[in-house]
Amino acid sequence: MPSETALPEGPFDGRLAFDAALRAALDAAARKGWREIVLSDPDFADWPLGERTSIAALQAWAASGRSLILLAEGFGVFDRAHARFVEWRRLWSHIVEARACSGSAAPAVPSAVWTPSWSLHRIDPERSRGVCSHQAESRRALRERLDECLRQARPAFAASTLGL
C-alpha cells in the first residue's frame, strides 16, 4: 500500500478513478490521523471495501477516539460482497456507527466520503463520476446533506447477531 498517495482534487470519471480515490482516502486516513470519516452510499455494492488493501488501511487508521460513520439505504450487500469489511467491523464495532436512511420521506443518500479536510462526492454513481475537494465550502455542503440523512436514519448493520 503506497504511503505517500496524494489525495485527488477535482473531477473524476469512471470506476477505476473512483476506486483509486477511495483507496487514496483510506490510505490518507491513518497518515493524516483523521478523527472522523463518513462513508455514504445507497448500498455500497460497487465500493472496494472488501479488498485486503482497504481493510489494511482501515486497520492502520482505527484507534480509540476515532469514528467511522456508515450511511446507506440498506446494508444487505455487505455479507455477500464485503466479507473482510464485515469481520473488521465486528472487531472495531466501538468506533463504527452504521445508519440506514430509507423510506418515501427520507432524503436521497449521497455516494460520498467526508473527512475533516477532504471530501469525495460521486454525483453520478451509475457512471462513477464526481468530484474530490479540499475546499471547506464543498465539505460543509456535503456534510449538511449527510447530516440531513443522518437525522432521519435509524441504527442498522449490527456488528453481531444475538440469538437464542
N, C-alpha and C. Protein backbone atom coordinates (compact mmCIF):
# COMPACT_ATOMS: atom_id res chain seq x y z
N MET A 1 0.85 -1.17 0.00
CA MET A 1 0.00 0.00 0.00
C MET A 1 0.90 1.24 0.00
N PRO A 2 0.72 2.17 -0.96
CA PRO A 2 1.55 3.35 -1.00
C PRO A 2 1.30 4.24 0.20
N SER A 3 2.37 4.76 0.77
CA SER A 3 2.21 5.56 1.97
C SER A 3 2.13 7.05 1.68
N GLU A 4 2.52 7.45 0.50
CA GLU A 4 2.52 8.88 0.17
C GLU A 4 1.54 9.20 -0.95
N THR A 5 0.45 8.46 -1.05
CA THR A 5 -0.54 8.71 -2.07
C THR A 5 -1.19 10.06 -1.80
N ALA A 6 -1.15 10.93 -2.81
CA ALA A 6 -1.79 12.23 -2.68
C ALA A 6 -3.29 12.08 -2.88
N LEU A 7 -4.05 12.84 -2.14
CA LEU A 7 -5.49 12.82 -2.31
C LEU A 7 -5.86 13.59 -3.58
N PRO A 8 -6.73 13.02 -4.39
CA PRO A 8 -7.10 13.70 -5.63
C PRO A 8 -7.89 14.97 -5.37
N GLU A 9 -7.83 15.87 -6.32
CA GLU A 9 -8.55 17.14 -6.27
C GLU A 9 -9.20 17.34 -7.63
N GLY A 10 -10.47 17.71 -7.63
CA GLY A 10 -11.16 17.98 -8.88
C GLY A 10 -12.02 16.81 -9.34
N PRO A 11 -12.48 16.89 -10.57
CA PRO A 11 -13.39 15.86 -11.07
C PRO A 11 -12.71 14.51 -11.31
N PHE A 12 -13.50 13.45 -11.19
CA PHE A 12 -13.04 12.11 -11.58
C PHE A 12 -14.14 11.48 -12.44
N ASP A 13 -13.75 10.55 -13.28
CA ASP A 13 -14.68 9.94 -14.22
C ASP A 13 -14.37 8.46 -14.38
N GLY A 14 -15.27 7.61 -13.99
CA GLY A 14 -15.13 6.18 -14.19
C GLY A 14 -14.85 5.42 -12.91
N ARG A 15 -15.13 4.13 -12.99
CA ARG A 15 -14.99 3.24 -11.84
C ARG A 15 -13.56 3.16 -11.32
N LEU A 16 -12.59 3.07 -12.23
CA LEU A 16 -11.19 2.98 -11.79
C LEU A 16 -10.76 4.24 -11.04
N ALA A 17 -11.19 5.39 -11.53
CA ALA A 17 -10.84 6.66 -10.86
C ALA A 17 -11.51 6.75 -9.50
N PHE A 18 -12.77 6.31 -9.41
CA PHE A 18 -13.46 6.32 -8.12
C PHE A 18 -12.76 5.39 -7.13
N ASP A 19 -12.48 4.17 -7.57
CA ASP A 19 -11.80 3.21 -6.70
C ASP A 19 -10.45 3.75 -6.22
N ALA A 20 -9.69 4.36 -7.13
CA ALA A 20 -8.38 4.92 -6.76
C ALA A 20 -8.53 6.04 -5.74
N ALA A 21 -9.53 6.89 -5.92
CA ALA A 21 -9.75 7.99 -4.98
C ALA A 21 -10.15 7.46 -3.61
N LEU A 22 -11.00 6.44 -3.58
CA LEU A 22 -11.41 5.85 -2.31
C LEU A 22 -10.22 5.19 -1.61
N ARG A 23 -9.42 4.45 -2.36
CA ARG A 23 -8.23 3.82 -1.76
C ARG A 23 -7.27 4.88 -1.22
N ALA A 24 -7.10 5.97 -1.96
CA ALA A 24 -6.23 7.07 -1.50
C ALA A 24 -6.77 7.68 -0.21
N ALA A 25 -8.09 7.81 -0.11
CA ALA A 25 -8.69 8.37 1.10
C ALA A 25 -8.46 7.46 2.30
N LEU A 26 -8.67 6.17 2.12
CA LEU A 26 -8.47 5.24 3.24
C LEU A 26 -7.01 5.20 3.66
N ASP A 27 -6.11 5.27 2.69
CA ASP A 27 -4.68 5.30 2.99
C ASP A 27 -4.31 6.59 3.74
N ALA A 28 -4.89 7.70 3.31
CA ALA A 28 -4.59 9.00 3.94
C ALA A 28 -5.16 9.10 5.35
N ALA A 29 -6.22 8.37 5.63
CA ALA A 29 -6.87 8.46 6.94
C ALA A 29 -5.89 8.22 8.08
N ALA A 30 -5.09 7.15 7.98
CA ALA A 30 -4.13 6.85 9.04
C ALA A 30 -2.98 7.86 9.04
N ARG A 31 -2.47 8.17 7.86
CA ARG A 31 -1.34 9.11 7.78
C ARG A 31 -1.70 10.48 8.33
N LYS A 32 -2.91 10.92 8.06
CA LYS A 32 -3.32 12.26 8.47
C LYS A 32 -4.02 12.27 9.83
N GLY A 33 -4.33 11.08 10.36
CA GLY A 33 -4.94 10.99 11.68
C GLY A 33 -6.35 11.55 11.75
N TRP A 34 -7.12 11.37 10.69
CA TRP A 34 -8.49 11.88 10.71
C TRP A 34 -9.25 11.25 11.87
N ARG A 35 -9.92 12.06 12.65
CA ARG A 35 -10.68 11.57 13.79
C ARG A 35 -12.03 10.99 13.35
N GLU A 36 -12.58 11.52 12.25
CA GLU A 36 -13.89 11.07 11.79
C GLU A 36 -13.88 10.88 10.28
N ILE A 37 -14.55 9.83 9.84
CA ILE A 37 -14.76 9.57 8.42
C ILE A 37 -16.23 9.18 8.27
N VAL A 38 -16.86 9.71 7.23
CA VAL A 38 -18.22 9.31 6.89
C VAL A 38 -18.17 8.68 5.50
N LEU A 39 -18.63 7.43 5.40
CA LEU A 39 -18.77 6.75 4.12
C LEU A 39 -20.26 6.62 3.86
N SER A 40 -20.70 7.09 2.71
CA SER A 40 -22.13 7.14 2.42
C SER A 40 -22.39 6.65 0.99
N ASP A 41 -23.39 5.79 0.86
CA ASP A 41 -23.79 5.30 -0.46
C ASP A 41 -25.14 4.60 -0.29
N PRO A 42 -25.98 4.61 -1.32
CA PRO A 42 -27.25 3.90 -1.16
C PRO A 42 -27.07 2.44 -0.74
N ASP A 43 -26.04 1.73 -1.30
CA ASP A 43 -25.86 0.33 -0.91
C ASP A 43 -24.41 -0.17 -0.87
N PHE A 44 -23.44 0.62 -1.28
CA PHE A 44 -22.02 0.26 -1.27
C PHE A 44 -21.68 -0.95 -2.15
N ALA A 45 -22.57 -1.32 -3.06
CA ALA A 45 -22.37 -2.52 -3.85
C ALA A 45 -21.09 -2.49 -4.69
N ASP A 46 -20.72 -1.33 -5.21
CA ASP A 46 -19.55 -1.28 -6.09
C ASP A 46 -18.33 -0.61 -5.45
N TRP A 47 -18.32 -0.52 -4.14
CA TRP A 47 -17.16 0.04 -3.43
C TRP A 47 -16.16 -1.08 -3.17
N PRO A 48 -14.86 -0.78 -3.18
CA PRO A 48 -13.84 -1.81 -2.92
C PRO A 48 -13.57 -2.02 -1.42
N LEU A 49 -14.62 -2.10 -0.62
CA LEU A 49 -14.45 -2.20 0.84
C LEU A 49 -14.02 -3.58 1.30
N GLY A 50 -14.22 -4.60 0.48
CA GLY A 50 -13.83 -5.95 0.88
C GLY A 50 -12.41 -6.31 0.51
N GLU A 51 -11.69 -5.40 -0.15
CA GLU A 51 -10.32 -5.68 -0.57
C GLU A 51 -9.36 -5.66 0.61
N ARG A 52 -8.33 -6.48 0.51
CA ARG A 52 -7.31 -6.52 1.57
C ARG A 52 -6.68 -5.15 1.82
N THR A 53 -6.40 -4.40 0.74
CA THR A 53 -5.77 -3.09 0.91
C THR A 53 -6.69 -2.11 1.64
N SER A 54 -7.98 -2.19 1.37
CA SER A 54 -8.93 -1.31 2.07
C SER A 54 -8.97 -1.65 3.56
N ILE A 55 -9.00 -2.93 3.88
CA ILE A 55 -9.04 -3.35 5.28
C ILE A 55 -7.74 -3.01 5.98
N ALA A 56 -6.61 -3.18 5.31
CA ALA A 56 -5.33 -2.81 5.91
C ALA A 56 -5.28 -1.32 6.21
N ALA A 57 -5.80 -0.51 5.31
CA ALA A 57 -5.82 0.94 5.53
C ALA A 57 -6.74 1.29 6.70
N LEU A 58 -7.91 0.68 6.77
CA LEU A 58 -8.81 0.93 7.89
C LEU A 58 -8.20 0.47 9.20
N GLN A 59 -7.52 -0.68 9.17
CA GLN A 59 -6.86 -1.18 10.38
C GLN A 59 -5.79 -0.21 10.86
N ALA A 60 -5.02 0.35 9.93
CA ALA A 60 -3.98 1.33 10.29
C ALA A 60 -4.60 2.61 10.85
N TRP A 61 -5.79 2.96 10.39
CA TRP A 61 -6.47 4.17 10.85
C TRP A 61 -7.14 3.97 12.20
N ALA A 62 -7.70 2.80 12.44
CA ALA A 62 -8.54 2.56 13.61
C ALA A 62 -7.77 2.75 14.91
N ALA A 63 -8.35 3.49 15.82
CA ALA A 63 -7.77 3.72 17.14
C ALA A 63 -8.84 4.30 18.04
N SER A 64 -8.58 4.30 19.31
CA SER A 64 -9.50 4.90 20.26
C SER A 64 -9.69 6.37 19.93
N GLY A 65 -10.91 6.83 20.04
CA GLY A 65 -11.20 8.23 19.76
C GLY A 65 -11.51 8.51 18.30
N ARG A 66 -11.42 7.49 17.45
CA ARG A 66 -11.74 7.66 16.04
C ARG A 66 -13.20 7.26 15.83
N SER A 67 -13.78 7.71 14.72
CA SER A 67 -15.18 7.43 14.44
C SER A 67 -15.39 7.24 12.94
N LEU A 68 -16.03 6.12 12.59
CA LEU A 68 -16.42 5.85 11.21
C LEU A 68 -17.93 5.75 11.18
N ILE A 69 -18.55 6.59 10.38
CA ILE A 69 -20.00 6.56 10.21
C ILE A 69 -20.29 6.00 8.83
N LEU A 70 -21.11 4.96 8.78
CA LEU A 70 -21.58 4.38 7.54
C LEU A 70 -23.04 4.77 7.37
N LEU A 71 -23.37 5.32 6.21
CA LEU A 71 -24.74 5.75 5.94
C LEU A 71 -25.18 5.12 4.63
N ALA A 72 -26.31 4.43 4.64
CA ALA A 72 -26.81 3.77 3.44
C ALA A 72 -28.33 3.68 3.50
N GLU A 73 -28.93 3.34 2.37
CA GLU A 73 -30.34 2.99 2.38
C GLU A 73 -30.50 1.59 2.96
N GLY A 74 -29.50 0.73 2.70
CA GLY A 74 -29.51 -0.62 3.23
C GLY A 74 -28.12 -1.23 3.17
N PHE A 75 -27.87 -2.24 4.00
CA PHE A 75 -26.55 -2.85 4.11
C PHE A 75 -26.54 -4.32 3.69
N GLY A 76 -27.54 -4.76 2.95
CA GLY A 76 -27.66 -6.16 2.57
C GLY A 76 -26.50 -6.71 1.77
N VAL A 77 -25.81 -5.88 1.03
CA VAL A 77 -24.72 -6.34 0.16
C VAL A 77 -23.45 -6.69 0.93
N PHE A 78 -23.30 -6.23 2.14
CA PHE A 78 -22.04 -6.39 2.86
C PHE A 78 -21.66 -7.84 3.10
N ASP A 79 -22.58 -8.65 3.56
CA ASP A 79 -22.24 -10.06 3.83
C ASP A 79 -21.79 -10.78 2.56
N ARG A 80 -22.37 -10.43 1.43
CA ARG A 80 -22.01 -11.09 0.16
C ARG A 80 -20.77 -10.50 -0.49
N ALA A 81 -20.64 -9.19 -0.50
CA ALA A 81 -19.59 -8.54 -1.29
C ALA A 81 -18.41 -8.01 -0.49
N HIS A 82 -18.58 -7.82 0.79
CA HIS A 82 -17.53 -7.18 1.61
C HIS A 82 -17.26 -7.96 2.89
N ALA A 83 -17.03 -9.26 2.76
CA ALA A 83 -16.86 -10.13 3.93
C ALA A 83 -15.71 -9.67 4.83
N ARG A 84 -14.61 -9.26 4.25
CA ARG A 84 -13.48 -8.78 5.07
C ARG A 84 -13.88 -7.55 5.88
N PHE A 85 -14.64 -6.66 5.25
CA PHE A 85 -15.09 -5.47 5.96
C PHE A 85 -16.01 -5.85 7.11
N VAL A 86 -16.91 -6.81 6.89
CA VAL A 86 -17.82 -7.25 7.95
C VAL A 86 -17.03 -7.74 9.16
N GLU A 87 -15.99 -8.52 8.92
CA GLU A 87 -15.16 -9.01 10.03
C GLU A 87 -14.44 -7.86 10.72
N TRP A 88 -13.86 -6.94 9.93
CA TRP A 88 -13.19 -5.78 10.52
C TRP A 88 -14.17 -4.97 11.34
N ARG A 89 -15.39 -4.78 10.85
CA ARG A 89 -16.41 -4.01 11.56
C ARG A 89 -16.75 -4.66 12.91
N ARG A 90 -16.76 -6.00 12.96
CA ARG A 90 -17.02 -6.69 14.23
C ARG A 90 -15.93 -6.37 15.25
N LEU A 91 -14.68 -6.36 14.79
CA LEU A 91 -13.57 -6.08 15.70
C LEU A 91 -13.56 -4.63 16.18
N TRP A 92 -14.00 -3.73 15.36
CA TRP A 92 -13.94 -2.30 15.66
C TRP A 92 -15.34 -1.69 15.84
N SER A 93 -16.29 -2.49 16.30
CA SER A 93 -17.68 -2.02 16.42
C SER A 93 -17.81 -0.78 17.32
N HIS A 94 -16.89 -0.62 18.25
CA HIS A 94 -16.96 0.52 19.17
C HIS A 94 -16.64 1.86 18.50
N ILE A 95 -16.07 1.85 17.29
CA ILE A 95 -15.80 3.11 16.59
C ILE A 95 -16.61 3.23 15.30
N VAL A 96 -17.44 2.24 14.99
CA VAL A 96 -18.23 2.24 13.76
C VAL A 96 -19.71 2.40 14.09
N GLU A 97 -20.33 3.39 13.48
CA GLU A 97 -21.76 3.61 13.62
C GLU A 97 -22.38 3.45 12.24
N ALA A 98 -23.31 2.52 12.09
CA ALA A 98 -23.98 2.30 10.81
C ALA A 98 -25.43 2.73 10.94
N ARG A 99 -25.89 3.53 9.95
CA ARG A 99 -27.25 4.05 9.98
C ARG A 99 -27.88 3.88 8.61
N ALA A 100 -29.16 3.53 8.60
CA ALA A 100 -29.91 3.37 7.36
C ALA A 100 -30.92 4.51 7.23
N CYS A 101 -30.92 5.12 6.07
CA CYS A 101 -31.83 6.22 5.77
C CYS A 101 -32.63 5.80 4.54
N SER A 102 -33.86 5.36 4.77
CA SER A 102 -34.70 4.92 3.66
C SER A 102 -36.14 5.23 3.97
N GLY A 103 -36.95 5.17 2.95
CA GLY A 103 -38.37 5.47 3.10
C GLY A 103 -38.77 6.58 2.15
N SER A 104 -40.03 6.71 1.93
CA SER A 104 -40.52 7.68 0.94
C SER A 104 -40.22 9.13 1.32
N ALA A 105 -40.18 9.43 2.60
CA ALA A 105 -39.92 10.80 3.04
C ALA A 105 -38.44 11.08 3.28
N ALA A 106 -37.61 10.05 3.21
CA ALA A 106 -36.19 10.21 3.50
C ALA A 106 -35.47 10.86 2.32
N PRO A 107 -34.48 11.69 2.63
CA PRO A 107 -33.68 12.27 1.53
C PRO A 107 -32.83 11.19 0.86
N ALA A 108 -32.45 11.45 -0.38
CA ALA A 108 -31.59 10.51 -1.11
C ALA A 108 -30.23 10.46 -0.44
N VAL A 109 -29.72 9.26 -0.23
CA VAL A 109 -28.41 9.07 0.38
C VAL A 109 -27.34 9.33 -0.69
N PRO A 110 -26.46 10.30 -0.46
CA PRO A 110 -25.42 10.57 -1.46
C PRO A 110 -24.33 9.50 -1.43
N SER A 111 -23.66 9.34 -2.55
CA SER A 111 -22.49 8.46 -2.63
C SER A 111 -21.29 9.36 -2.37
N ALA A 112 -20.69 9.21 -1.19
CA ALA A 112 -19.69 10.20 -0.79
C ALA A 112 -18.76 9.68 0.31
N VAL A 113 -17.64 10.37 0.43
CA VAL A 113 -16.71 10.22 1.55
C VAL A 113 -16.51 11.62 2.11
N TRP A 114 -16.71 11.76 3.42
CA TRP A 114 -16.47 13.04 4.07
C TRP A 114 -15.41 12.85 5.14
N THR A 115 -14.46 13.75 5.18
CA THR A 115 -13.44 13.78 6.23
C THR A 115 -13.27 15.22 6.68
N PRO A 116 -12.57 15.46 7.77
CA PRO A 116 -12.39 16.84 8.24
C PRO A 116 -11.62 17.74 7.26
N SER A 117 -10.86 17.16 6.33
CA SER A 117 -10.06 18.01 5.44
C SER A 117 -10.21 17.70 3.95
N TRP A 118 -11.05 16.73 3.60
CA TRP A 118 -11.19 16.33 2.19
C TRP A 118 -12.52 15.63 2.00
N SER A 119 -13.06 15.71 0.79
CA SER A 119 -14.31 15.01 0.51
C SER A 119 -14.32 14.48 -0.92
N LEU A 120 -15.14 13.47 -1.11
CA LEU A 120 -15.39 12.88 -2.42
C LEU A 120 -16.89 12.79 -2.56
N HIS A 121 -17.43 13.30 -3.66
CA HIS A 121 -18.86 13.21 -3.90
C HIS A 121 -19.07 12.61 -5.28
N ARG A 122 -19.61 11.40 -5.31
CA ARG A 122 -19.89 10.72 -6.58
C ARG A 122 -21.28 11.17 -7.01
N ILE A 123 -21.32 12.18 -7.86
CA ILE A 123 -22.56 12.82 -8.28
C ILE A 123 -23.37 11.90 -9.20
N ASP A 124 -22.69 11.12 -10.03
CA ASP A 124 -23.34 10.18 -10.94
C ASP A 124 -22.81 8.77 -10.62
N PRO A 125 -23.42 8.09 -9.63
CA PRO A 125 -22.92 6.77 -9.24
C PRO A 125 -22.95 5.73 -10.35
N GLU A 126 -23.92 5.83 -11.25
CA GLU A 126 -24.03 4.85 -12.33
C GLU A 126 -22.79 4.85 -13.22
N ARG A 127 -22.25 6.03 -13.47
CA ARG A 127 -21.05 6.16 -14.31
C ARG A 127 -19.79 6.45 -13.49
N SER A 128 -19.94 6.45 -12.18
CA SER A 128 -18.84 6.76 -11.26
C SER A 128 -18.16 8.08 -11.62
N ARG A 129 -18.97 9.11 -11.71
CA ARG A 129 -18.46 10.46 -11.98
C ARG A 129 -18.72 11.33 -10.77
N GLY A 130 -17.74 12.15 -10.44
CA GLY A 130 -17.92 13.02 -9.30
C GLY A 130 -16.77 13.98 -9.15
N VAL A 131 -16.62 14.47 -7.93
CA VAL A 131 -15.59 15.47 -7.66
C VAL A 131 -14.99 15.23 -6.27
N CYS A 132 -13.68 15.44 -6.19
CA CYS A 132 -12.96 15.40 -4.91
C CYS A 132 -12.54 16.82 -4.58
N SER A 133 -12.53 17.15 -3.30
CA SER A 133 -12.23 18.54 -2.94
C SER A 133 -11.62 18.65 -1.54
N HIS A 134 -10.70 19.61 -1.43
CA HIS A 134 -10.17 20.01 -0.13
C HIS A 134 -10.87 21.28 0.36
N GLN A 135 -11.72 21.88 -0.47
CA GLN A 135 -12.35 23.15 -0.15
C GLN A 135 -13.36 23.02 0.98
N ALA A 136 -13.24 23.91 1.94
CA ALA A 136 -14.12 23.87 3.11
C ALA A 136 -15.58 24.02 2.71
N GLU A 137 -15.88 24.87 1.75
CA GLU A 137 -17.26 25.09 1.34
C GLU A 137 -17.89 23.81 0.77
N SER A 138 -17.15 23.08 -0.03
CA SER A 138 -17.64 21.82 -0.60
C SER A 138 -17.87 20.80 0.50
N ARG A 139 -16.93 20.70 1.42
CA ARG A 139 -17.07 19.74 2.54
C ARG A 139 -18.27 20.10 3.41
N ARG A 140 -18.45 21.38 3.65
CA ARG A 140 -19.56 21.84 4.50
C ARG A 140 -20.91 21.51 3.83
N ALA A 141 -21.04 21.77 2.54
CA ALA A 141 -22.29 21.49 1.83
C ALA A 141 -22.58 19.98 1.83
N LEU A 142 -21.54 19.17 1.60
CA LEU A 142 -21.72 17.73 1.62
C LEU A 142 -22.11 17.27 3.02
N ARG A 143 -21.48 17.79 4.03
CA ARG A 143 -21.79 17.39 5.41
C ARG A 143 -23.22 17.74 5.77
N GLU A 144 -23.73 18.86 5.28
CA GLU A 144 -25.12 19.23 5.54
C GLU A 144 -26.07 18.20 4.94
N ARG A 145 -25.78 17.73 3.72
CA ARG A 145 -26.61 16.69 3.10
C ARG A 145 -26.54 15.40 3.91
N LEU A 146 -25.33 15.03 4.33
CA LEU A 146 -25.16 13.82 5.12
C LEU A 146 -25.89 13.93 6.46
N ASP A 147 -25.78 15.07 7.10
CA ASP A 147 -26.44 15.28 8.39
C ASP A 147 -27.95 15.20 8.27
N GLU A 148 -28.51 15.70 7.16
CA GLU A 148 -29.95 15.59 6.95
C GLU A 148 -30.37 14.13 6.87
N CYS A 149 -29.61 13.32 6.16
CA CYS A 149 -29.89 11.88 6.10
C CYS A 149 -29.73 11.25 7.48
N LEU A 150 -28.67 11.60 8.18
CA LEU A 150 -28.41 11.02 9.50
C LEU A 150 -29.52 11.35 10.49
N ARG A 151 -30.09 12.55 10.39
CA ARG A 151 -31.19 12.93 11.29
C ARG A 151 -32.39 12.01 11.12
N GLN A 152 -32.60 11.53 9.90
CA GLN A 152 -33.76 10.68 9.64
C GLN A 152 -33.42 9.19 9.63
N ALA A 153 -32.16 8.87 9.87
CA ALA A 153 -31.71 7.48 9.79
C ALA A 153 -31.94 6.74 11.11
N ARG A 154 -31.90 5.42 10.99
CA ARG A 154 -32.04 4.56 12.16
C ARG A 154 -30.82 3.64 12.24
N PRO A 155 -30.50 3.14 13.41
CA PRO A 155 -29.36 2.21 13.52
C PRO A 155 -29.58 0.99 12.62
N ALA A 156 -28.49 0.52 12.02
CA ALA A 156 -28.56 -0.63 11.11
C ALA A 156 -27.23 -1.35 11.10
N PHE A 157 -27.17 -2.49 10.39
CA PHE A 157 -25.93 -3.24 10.18
C PHE A 157 -25.24 -3.54 11.51
N ALA A 158 -25.91 -4.30 12.34
CA ALA A 158 -25.37 -4.65 13.64
C ALA A 158 -24.04 -5.38 13.52
N ALA A 159 -23.14 -5.14 14.44
CA ALA A 159 -21.82 -5.78 14.42
C ALA A 159 -21.92 -7.26 14.70
N SER A 160 -22.91 -7.66 15.47
CA SER A 160 -23.10 -9.07 15.76
C SER A 160 -24.59 -9.36 15.86
N THR A 161 -24.94 -10.60 15.70
CA THR A 161 -26.32 -11.01 15.81
C THR A 161 -26.48 -11.87 17.05
N LEU A 162 -27.26 -11.40 17.97
CA LEU A 162 -27.52 -12.15 19.19
C LEU A 162 -28.78 -12.97 19.02
N GLY A 163 -28.75 -14.18 19.48
CA GLY A 163 -29.93 -15.03 19.35
C GLY A 163 -29.91 -16.11 20.40
N LEU A 164 -30.99 -16.82 20.47
CA LEU A 164 -31.09 -17.90 21.45
C LEU A 164 -30.75 -19.23 20.84
